[in-house]
N, C-alpha and C. Protein backbone atom coordinates (compact mmCIF):
# COMPACT_ATOMS: atom_id res chain seq x y z
N ALA A 1 -18.57 13.16 -11.46
CA ALA A 1 -17.35 13.71 -11.41
C ALA A 1 -16.94 14.31 -12.64
N LYS A 2 -16.18 14.87 -12.62
CA LYS A 2 -15.57 15.41 -14.02
C LYS A 2 -14.95 15.07 -15.05
N ASP A 3 -15.05 14.72 -16.35
CA ASP A 3 -14.56 13.71 -17.14
C ASP A 3 -13.00 14.58 -17.38
N ILE A 4 -12.26 13.63 -17.39
CA ILE A 4 -11.04 13.95 -17.16
C ILE A 4 -10.17 14.44 -18.54
N VAL A 5 -10.16 15.26 -19.34
CA VAL A 5 -9.65 15.95 -20.56
C VAL A 5 -7.69 15.29 -20.44
N LEU A 6 -7.40 14.85 -21.60
CA LEU A 6 -5.89 14.51 -21.45
C LEU A 6 -5.48 15.51 -22.69
N LEU A 7 -4.41 16.11 -22.36
CA LEU A 7 -4.03 17.24 -23.09
C LEU A 7 -3.04 16.07 -23.40
N GLU A 8 -2.14 17.10 -24.49
CA GLU A 8 -0.86 16.36 -24.95
C GLU A 8 0.43 16.57 -24.36
N SER A 9 0.16 17.65 -23.49
CA SER A 9 1.12 18.22 -22.84
C SER A 9 1.64 18.08 -21.27
N ASP A 10 2.59 18.34 -20.67
CA ASP A 10 2.80 17.96 -19.11
C ASP A 10 1.79 19.13 -18.46
N LEU A 11 1.50 18.97 -17.10
CA LEU A 11 0.54 19.76 -16.81
C LEU A 11 1.07 21.29 -15.74
N THR A 12 0.65 22.33 -15.52
CA THR A 12 0.95 23.23 -14.59
C THR A 12 0.23 22.37 -13.05
N PRO A 13 0.92 22.73 -12.00
CA PRO A 13 0.35 22.14 -10.37
C PRO A 13 -0.93 22.50 -10.17
N ASN A 14 -1.39 23.68 -11.02
CA ASN A 14 -3.04 23.83 -10.82
C ASN A 14 -3.78 22.87 -11.68
N GLU A 15 -3.21 22.64 -13.07
CA GLU A 15 -4.27 21.62 -13.42
C GLU A 15 -4.40 20.59 -13.20
N ALA A 16 -2.88 20.20 -12.76
CA ALA A 16 -2.84 18.61 -12.26
C ALA A 16 -3.84 18.73 -11.03
N ALA A 17 -3.81 19.79 -9.84
CA ALA A 17 -4.68 19.40 -8.52
C ALA A 17 -5.86 19.76 -9.09
N GLU A 18 -6.58 20.43 -10.65
CA GLU A 18 -7.61 19.93 -10.61
C GLU A 18 -8.64 18.85 -10.82
N ILE A 19 -7.56 18.01 -11.45
CA ILE A 19 -7.84 16.74 -12.48
C ILE A 19 -7.49 15.39 -11.13
N ALA A 20 -7.06 16.21 -10.23
CA ALA A 20 -6.89 14.96 -8.78
C ALA A 20 -8.06 14.94 -8.08
N GLY A 21 -8.69 16.34 -7.85
CA GLY A 21 -9.03 16.42 -6.97
C GLY A 21 -8.83 17.02 -5.22
N ILE A 22 -7.42 17.48 -5.79
CA ILE A 22 -6.97 17.62 -4.63
C ILE A 22 -5.77 19.03 -4.61
N SER A 23 -5.68 19.92 -3.35
CA SER A 23 -5.32 21.03 -2.95
C SER A 23 -3.28 20.78 -3.88
N ARG A 24 -3.57 21.89 -4.30
CA ARG A 24 -2.20 22.54 -5.56
C ARG A 24 -1.25 22.15 -4.23
N ASN A 25 -1.30 22.67 -2.87
CA ASN A 25 -0.43 22.60 -1.88
C ASN A 25 0.17 20.53 -1.97
N SER A 26 -1.19 19.88 -1.77
CA SER A 26 -0.55 18.30 -2.33
C SER A 26 0.27 18.25 -2.95
N ILE A 27 0.34 18.50 -4.76
CA ILE A 27 0.84 18.48 -5.57
C ILE A 27 2.47 18.66 -5.15
N PHE A 28 2.64 19.94 -4.63
CA PHE A 28 3.92 20.22 -4.59
C PHE A 28 4.67 19.42 -3.54
N LYS A 29 3.52 18.59 -2.91
CA LYS A 29 4.55 17.97 -1.86
C LYS A 29 4.37 16.81 -2.17
N MET A 30 3.51 16.00 -3.13
CA MET A 30 4.35 14.85 -4.06
C MET A 30 5.18 15.14 -4.55
N LEU A 31 5.65 16.22 -5.06
CA LEU A 31 6.67 16.83 -6.14
C LEU A 31 7.78 16.34 -5.42
N LYS A 32 7.74 17.02 -3.77
CA LYS A 32 9.17 17.21 -3.31
C LYS A 32 9.21 15.77 -2.89
N THR A 33 8.52 14.43 -2.40
CA THR A 33 8.30 13.29 -1.99
C THR A 33 8.83 12.40 -3.19
N GLY A 34 8.54 12.83 -4.42
CA GLY A 34 8.74 11.94 -5.53
C GLY A 34 7.87 11.07 -5.87
N ARG A 35 6.18 11.09 -4.80
CA ARG A 35 5.20 10.57 -5.60
C ARG A 35 4.62 10.92 -7.28
N LEU A 36 5.28 12.90 -7.22
CA LEU A 36 4.49 12.34 -8.32
C LEU A 36 5.64 13.18 -9.38
N GLN A 37 6.15 12.64 -10.45
CA GLN A 37 7.36 13.80 -11.24
C GLN A 37 6.96 14.86 -11.91
N GLY A 38 8.07 15.12 -11.69
CA GLY A 38 7.66 17.00 -12.30
C GLY A 38 9.10 17.57 -12.62
N TYR A 39 9.04 18.93 -13.02
CA TYR A 39 9.98 19.84 -13.47
C TYR A 39 10.07 21.22 -13.79
N GLU A 40 10.86 22.04 -13.22
CA GLU A 40 10.97 23.11 -13.23
C GLU A 40 11.12 24.00 -14.68
N VAL A 41 10.46 24.70 -15.09
CA VAL A 41 10.65 25.19 -16.47
C VAL A 41 10.78 26.99 -16.26
N GLY A 42 12.11 27.57 -15.85
CA GLY A 42 11.84 28.49 -15.36
C GLY A 42 12.02 28.73 -13.81
N SER A 43 10.71 29.69 -13.22
CA SER A 43 10.36 29.36 -11.93
C SER A 43 9.14 28.74 -11.85
N HIS A 44 8.71 28.33 -13.12
CA HIS A 44 6.99 27.24 -12.86
C HIS A 44 7.34 25.94 -13.04
N TRP A 45 6.39 25.28 -12.50
CA TRP A 45 6.34 23.76 -12.24
C TRP A 45 5.86 23.20 -13.00
N LYS A 46 6.41 22.07 -13.43
CA LYS A 46 5.38 20.80 -14.62
C LYS A 46 5.42 19.62 -14.06
N VAL A 47 4.22 19.33 -13.80
CA VAL A 47 3.66 18.02 -13.42
C VAL A 47 3.81 16.87 -14.38
N SER A 48 4.63 15.84 -14.91
CA SER A 48 4.42 14.87 -15.69
C SER A 48 3.30 14.52 -15.62
N ARG A 49 2.78 14.39 -16.87
CA ARG A 49 1.25 14.00 -17.58
C ARG A 49 1.19 12.24 -16.60
N ALA A 50 2.34 11.77 -17.47
CA ALA A 50 2.21 10.20 -17.22
C ALA A 50 2.01 10.02 -15.58
N SER A 51 2.81 10.20 -14.68
CA SER A 51 3.21 10.48 -13.44
C SER A 51 1.82 10.61 -12.73
N LEU A 52 1.34 11.56 -12.94
CA LEU A 52 -0.41 12.24 -12.37
C LEU A 52 -0.95 10.75 -12.92
N LEU A 53 -1.20 10.32 -14.31
CA LEU A 53 -2.05 9.36 -14.26
C LEU A 53 -1.91 7.91 -13.85
N LYS A 54 -0.38 7.36 -13.49
CA LYS A 54 -0.43 6.38 -12.58
C LYS A 54 -0.41 6.72 -11.35
N TYR A 55 -0.49 7.97 -10.40
CA TYR A 55 -1.00 8.35 -9.54
C TYR A 55 -2.79 8.03 -9.26
N LEU A 56 -3.08 8.72 -10.28
CA LEU A 56 -4.81 8.30 -9.81
C LEU A 56 -5.09 7.01 -10.43
N ALA A 57 -4.61 6.26 -10.86
CA ALA A 57 -4.38 4.93 -11.29
C ALA A 57 -4.56 3.80 -9.95
N ASP A 58 -3.42 4.18 -9.32
CA ASP A 58 -3.25 3.59 -7.82
C ASP A 58 -3.81 3.92 -6.74
N ARG A 59 -4.49 5.02 -6.93
CA ARG A 59 -5.25 5.94 -5.81
C ARG A 59 -7.18 5.03 -6.23
N GLU A 60 -7.01 5.09 -7.63
CA GLU A 60 -8.31 3.82 -7.58
C GLU A 60 -8.47 2.44 -7.08
N ASP A 61 -6.81 1.97 -8.08
CA ASP A 61 -6.85 0.54 -6.89
C ASP A 61 -6.79 0.33 -5.45
N LEU A 62 -6.54 1.50 -5.10
CA LEU A 62 -6.68 1.24 -3.55
C LEU A 62 -8.16 1.47 -2.96
N MET A 63 -8.85 2.37 -3.60
CA MET A 63 -10.13 3.11 -3.16
C MET A 63 -10.75 1.39 -3.69
N ARG A 64 -10.87 0.41 -4.78
CA ARG A 64 -11.45 -0.71 -5.00
C ARG A 64 -11.02 -1.56 -4.10
N MET A 65 -9.81 -1.95 -3.75
CA MET A 65 -9.18 -2.70 -2.55
C MET A 65 -10.28 -2.65 -1.55
N MET A 66 -10.13 -1.08 -1.01
CA MET A 66 -10.70 -0.74 0.30
C MET A 66 -11.99 -1.33 0.44
N SER A 67 -12.57 -0.89 -0.59
CA SER A 67 -14.14 -1.02 -0.95
C SER A 67 -14.58 -2.90 -0.74
N LYS A 68 -13.44 -3.46 -1.46
CA LYS A 68 -13.89 -4.66 -1.27
C LYS A 68 -13.22 -5.10 0.14
N MET A 69 -12.32 -4.82 0.95
CA MET A 69 -12.22 -4.95 2.02
C MET A 69 -13.57 -4.99 3.51
N ASP A 70 -13.87 -3.82 2.78
CA ASP A 70 -15.16 -3.26 3.67
C ASP A 70 -16.47 -4.72 3.40
N GLU A 71 -16.85 -4.83 1.90
CA GLU A 71 -17.76 -5.80 1.78
C GLU A 71 -17.16 -7.27 2.33
N ALA A 72 -15.86 -7.16 2.75
CA ALA A 72 -15.31 -8.54 3.31
C ALA A 72 -15.46 -8.30 4.97
N GLY A 73 -16.28 -6.64 5.49
CA GLY A 73 -16.21 -6.71 7.06
C GLY A 73 -14.75 -6.89 7.36
N PHE A 74 -13.95 -6.57 6.75
CA PHE A 74 -12.62 -5.68 7.31
C PHE A 74 -12.20 -4.54 7.15
N GLY A 75 -13.22 -3.23 6.92
CA GLY A 75 -13.10 -2.46 7.26
C GLY A 75 -12.67 -1.54 8.44
N ILE A 76 -12.17 -0.48 8.49
CA ILE A 76 -11.64 -0.11 9.29
C ILE A 76 -12.67 1.09 10.10
N ASP A 77 -13.55 1.26 9.73
CA ASP A 77 -15.04 1.97 10.39
C ASP A 77 -16.33 1.16 10.62
N GLN A 78 -15.80 -0.22 10.83
CA GLN A 78 -16.71 -0.48 11.63
C GLN A 78 -16.86 -0.27 12.79
N ASP A 79 -18.57 -1.11 13.04
CA ASP A 79 -18.83 -0.52 14.20
C ASP A 79 -18.33 -1.86 15.27
N GLU A 80 -18.11 -1.82 16.41
CA GLU A 80 -17.24 -2.94 16.97
C GLU A 80 -18.72 -3.15 17.69
């Protein structure tokens, strides 16, 4: 995993996508649905750094929770 370098300013969609390890299209979809906060500067979008960090933290929590469920035998990919 790459180290996440935190800069002071908000991010371009490309930077946000690279940090989150998802596509630029996914970033735009999340901006449209309100999953990520952002704003337009002229014709360019900026992604709020705080909302990206919250998304990453929520995703980590979800992964941990799913991992615990797997260990407890409640995973979704258990053999029948």
